[in-house]
């Protein structure tokens, strides 16, 4: 009986020791049970709403250039109208082209004396060849070059270069062109005077005066060739 009691006591002690061997130490527990669980994967961010790429700002259109007369100091003075004169005249005559051409190249016979430096149109002469001078002799031995011949085509066309009257004092380019065409047995005559450049106060200030003088001369020429 005593033998069975000892065996029972020994068995009880063995079970107790077995239970003690499974009590974990703080911080050193079962690797599988105590290992830190991996953090849950972060949720994928919600898909961003597609945004249209902003279009580049459109470059401003350059301002339209403005025509202007510029002084030596660079200050705009007026517009393009101040810088040019364009005058045109025309008439028909019973005179043949050769007679009209001869009259044009002899201004002493029809130009108004009050619009000369000497006061007498007979002092005018025109050498009708390229480089020739439309000149005026003065009483004191001086002279004036009014225009220079650029092109001379007998019975068809005469072209001259030069600023007449007050235009001679400006920094201008001026071209006068006479054209003659057959018109039946007579002629059709056209004249243009183009002026461009710098003139104190602006060319528009003298445009009417130039027009008045030239229209008078053209009328005098028409009357002269018509009377022959």
C-alpha atoms as a PDB file:
ATOM      1  CA  UNK A   1       0.000   0.000   0.000  1.00  0.00           C
ATOM      2  CA  UNK A   2       2.838   2.252   0.950  1.00  0.00           C
ATOM      3  CA  UNK A   3       4.454   1.420  -2.402  1.00  0.00           C
ATOM      4  CA  UNK A   4       1.384   2.589  -4.367  1.00  0.00           C
ATOM      5  CA  UNK A   5       1.247   5.779  -2.333  1.00  0.00           C
ATOM      6  CA  UNK A   6       4.844   6.647  -3.276  1.00  0.00           C
ATOM      7  CA  UNK A   7       4.169   5.947  -6.913  1.00  0.00           C
ATOM      8  CA  UNK A   8       1.136   8.178  -6.838  1.00  0.00           C
ATOM      9  CA  UNK A   9       3.129  10.968  -5.226  1.00  0.00           C
ATOM     10  CA  UNK A  10       5.929  10.606  -7.764  1.00  0.00           C
ATOM     11  CA  UNK A  11       3.460  10.734 -10.662  1.00  0.00           C
ATOM     12  CA  UNK A  12       1.861  13.892  -9.288  1.00  0.00           C
ATOM     13  CA  UNK A  13       5.266  15.590  -8.960  1.00  0.00           C
ATOM     14  CA  UNK A  14       6.169  14.620 -12.517  1.00  0.00           C
ATOM     15  CA  UNK A  15       2.997  16.208 -13.892  1.00  0.00           C
ATOM     16  CA  UNK A  16       3.683  19.372 -11.881  1.00  0.00           C
ATOM     17  CA  UNK A  17       7.230  19.683 -13.217  1.00  0.00           C
ATOM     18  CA  UNK A  18       6.025  19.106 -16.763  1.00  0.00           C
ATOM     19  CA  UNK A  19       3.526  21.958 -16.370  1.00  0.00           C
ATOM     20  CA  UNK A  20       6.236  24.294 -14.965  1.00  0.00           C
ATOM     21  CA  UNK A  21       8.484  23.756 -18.008  1.00  0.00           C
ATOM     22  CA  UNK A  22       5.861  25.427 -20.324  1.00  0.00           C
ATOM     23  CA  UNK A  23       5.583  28.809 -18.409  1.00  0.00           C
ATOM     24  CA  UNK A  24       7.254  31.437 -20.719  1.00  0.00           C
ATOM     25  CA  UNK A  25       9.771  34.042 -19.426  1.00  0.00           C
ATOM     26  CA  UNK A  26       8.738  37.708 -19.911  1.00  0.00           C
ATOM     27  CA  UNK A  27       9.988  38.871 -23.293  1.00  0.00           C
ATOM     28  CA  UNK A  28      11.154  35.467 -24.395  1.00  0.00           C
ATOM     29  CA  UNK A  29       7.964  33.693 -25.163  1.00  0.00           C
ATOM     30  CA  UNK A  30       7.211  31.380 -28.033  1.00  0.00           C
ATOM     31  CA  UNK A  31       8.670  32.853 -31.196  1.00  0.00           C
ATOM     32  CA  UNK A  32       5.664  31.961 -33.209  1.00  0.00           C
ATOM     33  CA  UNK A  33       3.173  33.319 -30.737  1.00  0.00           C
ATOM     34  CA  UNK A  34       5.206  36.356 -29.584  1.00  0.00           C
ATOM     35  CA  UNK A  35       6.782  37.470 -32.885  1.00  0.00           C
ATOM     36  CA  UNK A  36       5.372  40.906 -33.859  1.00  0.00           C
ATOM     37  CA  UNK A  37       2.752  40.592 -36.462  1.00  0.00           C
ATOM     38  CA  UNK A  38       3.693  42.341 -39.676  1.00  0.00           C
ATOM     39  CA  UNK A  39       1.903  45.619 -40.085  1.00  0.00           C
ATOM     40  CA  UNK A  40      -1.054  45.384 -42.344  1.00  0.00           C
ATOM     41  CA  UNK A  41      -0.143  46.681 -45.775  1.00  0.00           C
ATOM     42  CA  UNK A  42      -1.127  50.278 -46.206  1.00  0.00           C
ATOM     43  CA  UNK A  43      -4.201  50.708 -48.232  1.00  0.00           C
ATOM     44  CA  UNK A  44      -3.509  51.720 -51.748  1.00  0.00           C
ATOM     45  CA  UNK A  45      -4.342  55.385 -52.164  1.00  0.00           C
ATOM     46  CA  UNK A  46      -7.456  55.977 -54.094  1.00  0.00           C
ATOM     47  CA  UNK A  47      -6.728  56.566 -57.705  1.00  0.00           C
ATOM     48  CA  UNK A  48      -6.222  60.273 -58.238  1.00  0.00           C
ATOM     49  CA  UNK A  49      -8.643  61.909 -60.533  1.00  0.00           C
ATOM     50  CA  UNK A  50      -6.942  62.573 -63.853  1.00  0.00           C
ATOM     51  CA  UNK A  51      -6.454  66.259 -64.287  1.00  0.00           C
ATOM     52  CA  UNK A  52      -6.040  67.872 -67.679  1.00  0.00           C
ATOM     53  CA  UNK A  53      -2.636  69.439 -68.085  1.00  0.00           C
ATOM     54  CA  UNK A  54      -3.017  73.180 -68.060  1.00  0.00           C
ATOM     55  CA  UNK A  55      -2.454  74.614 -71.522  1.00  0.00           C
ATOM     56  CA  UNK A  56       0.411  77.059 -71.730  1.00  0.00           C
ATOM     57  CA  UNK A  57      -0.721  80.637 -71.687  1.00  0.00           C
ATOM     58  CA  UNK A  58      -0.938  82.006 -75.196  1.00  0.00           C
ATOM     59  CA  UNK A  59       1.670  84.632 -75.912  1.00  0.00           C
ATOM     60  CA  UNK A  60       0.092  88.037 -76.514  1.00  0.00           C
ATOM     61  CA  UNK A  61      -0.103  89.086 -80.142  1.00  0.00           C
ATOM     62  CA  UNK A  62       2.394  91.815 -80.961  1.00  0.00           C
ATOM     63  CA  UNK A  63       0.859  95.188 -81.428  1.00  0.00           C
ATOM     64  CA  UNK A  64       0.444  96.205 -85.010  1.00  0.00           C
ATOM     65  CA  UNK A  65       3.351  98.378 -86.040  1.00  0.00           C
ATOM     66  CA  UNK A  66       2.543 102.075 -86.344  1.00  0.00           C
ATOM     67  CA  UNK A  67       3.979 104.164 -89.147  1.00  0.00           C
ATOM     68  CA  UNK A  68       5.571 107.303 -87.837  1.00  0.00           C
ATOM     69  CA  UNK A  69       8.049 109.956 -88.732  1.00  0.00           C
ATOM     70  CA  UNK A  70      10.891 109.719 -86.240  1.00  0.00           C
ATOM     71  CA  UNK A  71      12.942 112.727 -85.299  1.00  0.00           C
ATOM     72  CA  UNK A  72      16.672 112.607 -84.652  1.00  0.00           C
ATOM     73  CA  UNK A  73      15.876 112.155 -80.952  1.00  0.00           C
ATOM     74  CA  UNK A  74      13.649 109.172 -81.716  1.00  0.00           C
ATOM     75  CA  UNK A  75      10.344 110.831 -80.880  1.00  0.00           C
ATOM     76  CA  UNK A  76       7.394 109.834 -83.129  1.00  0.00           C
ATOM     77  CA  UNK A  77       6.023 112.779 -85.046  1.00  0.00           C
ATOM     78  CA  UNK A  78       2.762 112.123 -86.836  1.00  0.00           C
ATOM     79  CA  UNK A  79       1.932 109.291 -89.181  1.00  0.00           C
ATOM     80  CA  UNK A  80       2.745 108.048 -92.662  1.00  0.00           C
ATOM     81  CA  UNK A  81       0.581 110.752 -94.250  1.00  0.00           C
ATOM     82  CA  UNK A  82       3.131 113.313 -93.074  1.00  0.00           C
ATOM     83  CA  UNK A  83       5.859 111.586 -95.021  1.00  0.00           C
ATOM     84  CA  UNK A  84       4.658 111.478 -98.601  1.00  0.00           C
ATOM     85  CA  UNK A  85       2.790 113.287-101.341  1.00  0.00           C
ATOM     86  CA  UNK A  86       1.230 111.586-104.339  1.00  0.00           C
ATOM     87  CA  UNK A  87      -0.270 113.779-107.043  1.00  0.00           C
ATOM     88  CA  UNK A  88      -1.631 112.739-110.438  1.00  0.00           C
ATOM     89  CA  UNK A  89      -2.895 114.739-113.410  1.00  0.00           C
ATOM     90  CA  UNK A  90      -4.193 113.812-116.851  1.00  0.00           C
ATOM     91  CA  UNK A  91      -5.600 115.438-119.963  1.00  0.00           C
ATOM     92  CA  UNK A  92      -6.290 114.684-123.616  1.00  0.00           C
ATOM     93  CA  UNK A  93      -5.304 116.868-126.507  1.00  0.00           C
ATOM     94  CA  UNK A  94      -5.553 116.900-130.269  1.00  0.00           C
ATOM     95  CA  UNK A  95      -1.797 117.461-130.403  1.00  0.00           C
ATOM     96  CA  UNK A  96       0.307 114.521-131.599  1.00  0.00           C
ATOM     97  CA  UNK A  97       2.707 112.812-129.130  1.00  0.00           C
ATOM     98  CA  UNK A  98       5.821 114.330-130.730  1.00  0.00           C
ATOM     99  CA  UNK A  99       4.455 117.833-130.238  1.00  0.00           C
ATOM    100  CA  UNK A 100       3.462 117.127-126.653  1.00  0.00           C
ATOM    101  CA  UNK A 101       6.914 115.722-125.845  1.00  0.00           C
ATOM    102  CA  UNK A 102       8.623 118.758-127.380  1.00  0.00           C
ATOM    103  CA  UNK A 103       6.456 121.066-125.282  1.00  0.00           C
ATOM    104  CA  UNK A 104       7.133 119.200-122.032  1.00  0.00           C
ATOM    105  CA  UNK A 105      10.886 119.391-122.596  1.00  0.00           C
ATOM    106  CA  UNK A 106      10.661 123.161-123.227  1.00  0.00           C
ATOM    107  CA  UNK A 107       9.218 124.503-119.919  1.00  0.00           C
ATOM    108  CA  UNK A 108      10.352 128.060-120.724  1.00  0.00           C
ATOM    109  CA  UNK A 109       7.414 128.243-123.156  1.00  0.00           C
ATOM    110  CA  UNK A 110       4.609 127.351-120.763  1.00  0.00           C
ATOM    111  CA  UNK A 111       5.815 127.412-117.112  1.00  0.00           C
ATOM    112  CA  UNK A 112       4.439 130.280-115.004  1.00  0.00           C
ATOM    113  CA  UNK A 113       7.094 132.951-114.389  1.00  0.00           C
ATOM    114  CA  UNK A 114       5.690 133.673-110.924  1.00  0.00           C
ATOM    115  CA  UNK A 115       6.840 130.222-109.865  1.00  0.00           C
ATOM    116  CA  UNK A 116      10.519 130.678-110.710  1.00  0.00           C
ATOM    117  CA  UNK A 117      13.458 132.012-108.673  1.00  0.00           C
ATOM    118  CA  UNK A 118      14.362 134.589-111.276  1.00  0.00           C
ATOM    119  CA  UNK A 119      10.811 135.750-111.947  1.00  0.00           C
ATOM    120  CA  UNK A 120      11.130 134.918-115.637  1.00  0.00           C
ATOM    121  CA  UNK A 121      10.334 131.509-117.130  1.00  0.00           C
ATOM    122  CA  UNK A 122      12.581 132.259-120.113  1.00  0.00           C
ATOM    123  CA  UNK A 123      15.528 131.489-117.813  1.00  0.00           C
ATOM    124  CA  UNK A 124      14.421 127.849-117.587  1.00  0.00           C
ATOM    125  CA  UNK A 125      16.084 125.116-119.662  1.00  0.00           C
ATOM    126  CA  UNK A 126      15.746 121.340-119.767  1.00  0.00           C
ATOM    127  CA  UNK A 127      18.396 119.020-121.223  1.00  0.00           C
ATOM    128  CA  UNK A 128      16.223 116.033-122.194  1.00  0.00           C
ATOM    129  CA  UNK A 129      18.706 113.201-121.771  1.00  0.00           C
ATOM    130  CA  UNK A 130      19.644 110.904-118.870  1.00  0.00           C
ATOM    131  CA  UNK A 131      21.550 113.000-116.314  1.00  0.00           C
ATOM    132  CA  UNK A 132      20.396 116.218-117.982  1.00  0.00           C
ATOM    133  CA  UNK A 133      19.458 119.227-115.882  1.00  0.00           C
ATOM    134  CA  UNK A 134      16.211 121.153-115.617  1.00  0.00           C
ATOM    135  CA  UNK A 135      17.928 124.337-114.556  1.00  0.00           C
ATOM    136  CA  UNK A 136      17.357 128.065-114.156  1.00  0.00           C
ATOM    137  CA  UNK A 137      19.798 130.893-114.714  1.00  0.00           C
ATOM    138  CA  UNK A 138      19.804 133.767-112.233  1.00  0.00           C
ATOM    139  CA  UNK A 139      20.574 137.412-113.015  1.00  0.00           C
ATOM    140  CA  UNK A 140      23.613 137.523-110.709  1.00  0.00           C
ATOM    141  CA  UNK A 141      25.281 134.665-112.535  1.00  0.00           C
ATOM    142  CA  UNK A 142      23.943 132.010-110.173  1.00  0.00           C
ATOM    143  CA  UNK A 143      21.824 129.055-111.141  1.00  0.00           C
ATOM    144  CA  UNK A 144      19.291 126.586-109.741  1.00  0.00           C
ATOM    145  CA  UNK A 145      18.977 122.892-110.487  1.00  0.00           C
ATOM    146  CA  UNK A 146      15.277 122.094-110.204  1.00  0.00           C
ATOM    147  CA  UNK A 147      15.331 118.480-111.389  1.00  0.00           C
ATOM    148  CA  UNK A 148      17.563 115.865-113.028  1.00  0.00           C
ATOM    149  CA  UNK A 149      16.463 113.703-115.956  1.00  0.00           C
ATOM    150  CA  UNK A 150      16.297 109.989-115.136  1.00  0.00           C
ATOM    151  CA  UNK A 151      14.694 108.692-118.330  1.00  0.00           C
ATOM    152  CA  UNK A 152      14.037 110.335-121.688  1.00  0.00           C
ATOM    153  CA  UNK A 153      11.979 108.462-124.299  1.00  0.00           C
ATOM    154  CA  UNK A 154      10.888 110.868-127.044  1.00  0.00           C
ATOM    155  CA  UNK A 155       7.129 110.897-127.710  1.00  0.00           C
ATOM    156  CA  UNK A 156       6.517 108.385-124.894  1.00  0.00           C
ATOM    157  CA  UNK A 157       7.919 109.262-121.483  1.00  0.00           C
ATOM    158  CA  UNK A 158      10.040 111.698-119.496  1.00  0.00           C
ATOM    159  CA  UNK A 159      11.031 111.024-115.866  1.00  0.00           C
ATOM    160  CA  UNK A 160      12.821 113.482-113.611  1.00  0.00           C
ATOM    161  CA  UNK A 161      14.016 113.533-110.020  1.00  0.00           C
ATOM    162  CA  UNK A 162      14.024 116.491-107.649  1.00  0.00           C
ATOM    163  CA  UNK A 163      12.078 118.536-105.136  1.00  0.00           C
ATOM    164  CA  UNK A 164      10.507 121.627-106.667  1.00  0.00           C
ATOM    165  CA  UNK A 165      10.247 124.972-104.900  1.00  0.00           C
ATOM    166  CA  UNK A 166      10.300 124.710-101.093  1.00  0.00           C
ATOM    167  CA  UNK A 167      10.714 120.913-101.277  1.00  0.00           C
ATOM    168  CA  UNK A 168      14.322 121.515-102.287  1.00  0.00           C
ATOM    169  CA  UNK A 169      15.068 122.480 -98.674  1.00  0.00           C
ATOM    170  CA  UNK A 170      13.811 119.154 -97.268  1.00  0.00           C
ATOM    171  CA  UNK A 171      15.447 115.750 -97.082  1.00  0.00           C
ATOM    172  CA  UNK A 172      13.079 114.295 -99.660  1.00  0.00           C
ATOM    173  CA  UNK A 173      13.066 112.073-102.702  1.00  0.00           C
ATOM    174  CA  UNK A 174      10.764 113.285-105.457  1.00  0.00           C
ATOM    175  CA  UNK A 175      10.041 111.809-108.884  1.00  0.00           C
ATOM    176  CA  UNK A 176       7.994 113.356-111.690  1.00  0.00           C
ATOM    177  CA  UNK A 177       6.869 111.136-114.551  1.00  0.00           C
ATOM    178  CA  UNK A 178       5.238 112.265-117.789  1.00  0.00           C
ATOM    179  CA  UNK A 179       3.719 109.628-120.053  1.00  0.00           C
ATOM    180  CA  UNK A 180       2.276 110.192-123.511  1.00  0.00           C
ATOM    181  CA  UNK A 181      -0.003 107.755-125.343  1.00  0.00           C
ATOM    182  CA  UNK A 182      -1.637 107.910-128.753  1.00  0.00           C
ATOM    183  CA  UNK A 183      -5.321 108.714-128.479  1.00  0.00           C
ATOM    184  CA  UNK A 184      -6.759 108.539-131.976  1.00  0.00           C
ATOM    185  CA  UNK A 185      -5.010 111.315-133.854  1.00  0.00           C
ATOM    186  CA  UNK A 186      -4.176 113.114-130.626  1.00  0.00           C
ATOM    187  CA  UNK A 187      -2.594 112.211-127.294  1.00  0.00           C
ATOM    188  CA  UNK A 188      -3.424 111.220-123.749  1.00  0.00           C
ATOM    189  CA  UNK A 189      -1.033 112.822-121.271  1.00  0.00           C
ATOM    190  CA  UNK A 190      -0.504 111.718-117.675  1.00  0.00           C
ATOM    191  CA  UNK A 191       1.757 113.207-115.055  1.00  0.00           C
ATOM    192  CA  UNK A 192       2.512 111.969-111.529  1.00  0.00           C
ATOM    193  CA  UNK A 193       4.621 113.550-108.819  1.00  0.00           C
ATOM    194  CA  UNK A 194       5.648 111.376-105.889  1.00  0.00           C
ATOM    195  CA  UNK A 195       7.439 112.815-102.868  1.00  0.00           C
ATOM    196  CA  UNK A 196       8.685 110.955 -99.804  1.00  0.00           C
ATOM    197  CA  UNK A 197      10.981 111.859 -96.915  1.00  0.00           C
ATOM    198  CA  UNK A 198      11.460 114.415 -94.166  1.00  0.00           C
ATOM    199  CA  UNK A 199      10.201 117.964 -94.457  1.00  0.00           C
ATOM    200  CA  UNK A 200      10.056 120.324 -91.436  1.00  0.00           C
ATOM    201  CA  UNK A 201       6.480 120.374 -90.165  1.00  0.00           C
ATOM    202  CA  UNK A 202       5.466 117.406 -92.342  1.00  0.00           C
ATOM    203  CA  UNK A 203       4.886 117.075 -96.067  1.00  0.00           C
ATOM    204  CA  UNK A 204       1.138 117.205 -95.531  1.00  0.00           C
ATOM    205  CA  UNK A 205       1.545 120.878 -94.614  1.00  0.00           C
ATOM    206  CA  UNK A 206       2.752 121.780 -98.136  1.00  0.00           C
ATOM    207  CA  UNK A 207       0.759 119.203-100.113  1.00  0.00           C
ATOM    208  CA  UNK A 208      -2.018 121.617-101.095  1.00  0.00           C
ATOM    209  CA  UNK A 209       0.452 124.274-102.201  1.00  0.00           C
ATOM    210  CA  UNK A 210       2.389 121.791-104.341  1.00  0.00           C
ATOM    211  CA  UNK A 211      -0.870 120.532-105.843  1.00  0.00           C
ATOM    212  CA  UNK A 212      -2.035 124.062-106.602  1.00  0.00           C
ATOM    213  CA  UNK A 213       1.183 124.998-108.397  1.00  0.00           C
ATOM    214  CA  UNK A 214       1.488 121.797-110.407  1.00  0.00           C
ATOM    215  CA  UNK A 215      -2.154 121.692-111.468  1.00  0.00           C
ATOM    216  CA  UNK A 216      -1.688 125.234-112.784  1.00  0.00           C
ATOM    217  CA  UNK A 217       1.416 124.218-114.781  1.00  0.00           C
ATOM    218  CA  UNK A 218      -0.316 121.163-116.266  1.00  0.00           C
ATOM    219  CA  UNK A 219      -3.226 123.334-117.361  1.00  0.00           C
ATOM    220  CA  UNK A 220      -0.811 125.831-118.917  1.00  0.00           C
ATOM    221  CA  UNK A 221       0.884 122.969-120.807  1.00  0.00           C
ATOM    222  CA  UNK A 222      -2.490 121.680-122.058  1.00  0.00           C
ATOM    223  CA  UNK A 223      -3.437 125.154-123.257  1.00  0.00           C
ATOM    224  CA  UNK A 224      -0.037 125.629-124.913  1.00  0.00           C
ATOM    225  CA  UNK A 225      -0.087 122.363-126.935  1.00  0.00           C
ATOM    226  CA  UNK A 226      -3.762 122.869-127.780  1.00  0.00           C
ATOM    227  CA  UNK A 227      -3.093 126.307-129.217  1.00  0.00           C
ATOM    228  CA  UNK A 228      -0.361 125.167-131.589  1.00  0.00           C
END
